[in-house]
Amino acid sequence: MQLFGMTTTIQISSRGTMTLPIELRRRLKLDKHSILLVEEREDGIFLHPAMTVPVRDIPKSTIKKWIKDDEADAASVTVLKR
């Protein structure tokens, strides 16, 4: 198992954007439609490609759990009125 590959320095623009080098995008098979997940870790950030899955391929039990979790989160929100 390879834990890491090449090390590259990437500059962040004044708009907060960064561009991954073309060699890296090609090796990881990333294109303009790719989505990266950003995971904040104790020692920095970790980027990894996201995989999209059609909703029809997600088990109904998983979707029901997501809905239940979302409803529980929504119920815990306190709305402040001015």
C-alpha atoms as a PDB file:
ATOM      1  CA  MET A   1       0.000   0.000   0.000  1.00  0.00           C
ATOM      2  CA  GLN A   2       1.407   3.371  -1.012  1.00  0.00           C
ATOM      3  CA  LEU A   3       0.659   6.051   1.552  1.00  0.00           C
ATOM      4  CA  PHE A   4       1.821   8.998  -0.524  1.00  0.00           C
ATOM      5  CA  GLY A   5       3.355   9.854  -3.867  1.00  0.00           C
ATOM      6  CA  MET A   6       4.987  12.974  -5.201  1.00  0.00           C
ATOM      7  CA  THR A   7       5.239  16.153  -3.170  1.00  0.00           C
ATOM      8  CA  THR A   8       4.132  19.333  -4.923  1.00  0.00           C
ATOM      9  CA  THR A   9       3.869  22.935  -3.817  1.00  0.00           C
ATOM     10  CA  ILE A  10       0.597  24.570  -4.837  1.00  0.00           C
ATOM     11  CA  GLN A  11      -0.039  28.285  -4.463  1.00  0.00           C
ATOM     12  CA  ILE A  12      -3.435  29.501  -3.305  1.00  0.00           C
ATOM     13  CA  SER A  13      -4.707  32.523  -5.249  1.00  0.00           C
ATOM     14  CA  SER A  14      -6.118  35.695  -3.726  1.00  0.00           C
ATOM     15  CA  ARG A  15      -9.572  34.234  -4.474  1.00  0.00           C
ATOM     16  CA  GLY A  16      -8.746  31.125  -2.441  1.00  0.00           C
ATOM     17  CA  THR A  17      -8.467  28.805  -5.431  1.00  0.00           C
ATOM     18  CA  MET A  18      -5.688  26.397  -6.252  1.00  0.00           C
ATOM     19  CA  THR A  19      -4.773  24.520  -9.398  1.00  0.00           C
ATOM     20  CA  LEU A  20      -3.558  20.950  -9.282  1.00  0.00           C
ATOM     21  CA  PRO A  21      -0.673  20.288 -11.691  1.00  0.00           C
ATOM     22  CA  ILE A  22      -1.678  18.568 -14.920  1.00  0.00           C
ATOM     23  CA  GLU A  23       0.551  15.530 -14.233  1.00  0.00           C
ATOM     24  CA  LEU A  24      -1.242  14.941 -10.941  1.00  0.00           C
ATOM     25  CA  ARG A  25      -4.699  15.361 -12.509  1.00  0.00           C
ATOM     26  CA  ARG A  26      -3.811  12.927 -15.279  1.00  0.00           C
ATOM     27  CA  ARG A  27      -2.380  10.319 -12.909  1.00  0.00           C
ATOM     28  CA  LEU A  28      -5.472  10.529 -10.673  1.00  0.00           C
ATOM     29  CA  LYS A  29      -7.794  10.624 -13.717  1.00  0.00           C
ATOM     30  CA  LEU A  30      -9.315  13.950 -12.620  1.00  0.00           C
ATOM     31  CA  ASP A  31     -11.051  16.179 -15.140  1.00  0.00           C
ATOM     32  CA  LYS A  32     -13.132  19.356 -15.029  1.00  0.00           C
ATOM     33  CA  HIS A  33     -16.136  17.336 -13.804  1.00  0.00           C
ATOM     34  CA  SER A  34     -14.275  15.692 -10.915  1.00  0.00           C
ATOM     35  CA  ILE A  35     -15.177  16.416  -7.311  1.00  0.00           C
ATOM     36  CA  LEU A  36     -12.649  16.328  -4.492  1.00  0.00           C
ATOM     37  CA  LEU A  37     -13.542  15.757  -0.867  1.00  0.00           C
ATOM     38  CA  VAL A  38     -11.554  17.876   1.580  1.00  0.00           C
ATOM     39  CA  GLU A  39     -10.975  16.283   4.952  1.00  0.00           C
ATOM     40  CA  GLU A  40      -9.551  18.448   7.725  1.00  0.00           C
ATOM     41  CA  ARG A  41      -7.077  16.516   9.834  1.00  0.00           C
ATOM     42  CA  GLU A  42      -4.979  17.341  12.851  1.00  0.00           C
ATOM     43  CA  ASP A  43      -1.855  17.700  10.707  1.00  0.00           C
ATOM     44  CA  GLY A  44      -3.445  19.520   7.747  1.00  0.00           C
ATOM     45  CA  ILE A  45      -5.911  18.738   4.991  1.00  0.00           C
ATOM     46  CA  PHE A  46      -6.409  15.605   2.935  1.00  0.00           C
ATOM     47  CA  LEU A  47      -7.899  15.750  -0.565  1.00  0.00           C
ATOM     48  CA  HIS A  48      -9.326  12.697  -2.242  1.00  0.00           C
ATOM     49  CA  PRO A  49     -11.559  12.130  -5.262  1.00  0.00           C
ATOM     50  CA  ALA A  50     -15.239  11.693  -4.520  1.00  0.00           C
ATOM     51  CA  MET A  51     -17.196   8.918  -6.147  1.00  0.00           C
ATOM     52  CA  THR A  52     -20.687   9.705  -7.341  1.00  0.00           C
ATOM     53  CA  VAL A  53     -23.300   6.998  -7.013  1.00  0.00           C
ATOM     54  CA  PRO A  54     -26.715   7.119  -8.692  1.00  0.00           C
ATOM     55  CA  VAL A  55     -29.492   7.366  -6.105  1.00  0.00           C
ATOM     56  CA  ARG A  56     -31.073   4.221  -7.544  1.00  0.00           C
ATOM     57  CA  ASP A  57     -27.966   2.281  -6.419  1.00  0.00           C
ATOM     58  CA  ILE A  58     -28.200   3.403  -2.782  1.00  0.00           C
ATOM     59  CA  PRO A  59     -30.108   0.963  -0.545  1.00  0.00           C
ATOM     60  CA  LYS A  60     -33.474   2.295   0.632  1.00  0.00           C
ATOM     61  CA  SER A  61     -32.485   1.596   4.240  1.00  0.00           C
ATOM     62  CA  THR A  62     -29.504   3.943   3.859  1.00  0.00           C
ATOM     63  CA  ILE A  63     -31.652   6.705   2.390  1.00  0.00           C
ATOM     64  CA  LYS A  64     -34.211   6.293   5.200  1.00  0.00           C
ATOM     65  CA  LYS A  65     -31.414   6.574   7.781  1.00  0.00           C
ATOM     66  CA  TRP A  66     -30.107   9.746   6.118  1.00  0.00           C
ATOM     67  CA  ILE A  67     -33.597  11.258   6.174  1.00  0.00           C
ATOM     68  CA  LYS A  68     -34.078  10.302   9.833  1.00  0.00           C
ATOM     69  CA  ASP A  69     -30.670  11.811  10.734  1.00  0.00           C
ATOM     70  CA  ASP A  70     -31.444  15.008   8.799  1.00  0.00           C
ATOM     71  CA  GLU A  71     -34.831  15.362  10.503  1.00  0.00           C
ATOM     72  CA  ALA A  72     -33.185  14.894  13.912  1.00  0.00           C
ATOM     73  CA  ASP A  73     -30.613  17.576  13.054  1.00  0.00           C
ATOM     74  CA  ALA A  74     -33.350  19.933  11.857  1.00  0.00           C
ATOM     75  CA  ALA A  75     -35.342  19.374  15.047  1.00  0.00           C
ATOM     76  CA  SER A  76     -32.337  20.387  17.137  1.00  0.00           C
ATOM     77  CA  VAL A  77     -31.957  23.771  15.398  1.00  0.00           C
ATOM     78  CA  THR A  78     -33.018  26.808  17.373  1.00  0.00           C
ATOM     79  CA  VAL A  79     -34.416  29.622  15.269  1.00  0.00           C
ATOM     80  CA  LEU A  80     -33.724  33.097  16.615  1.00  0.00           C
ATOM     81  CA  LYS A  81     -36.350  35.740  15.910  1.00  0.00           C
ATOM     82  CA  ARG A  82     -35.544  39.416  15.936  1.00  0.00           C
END
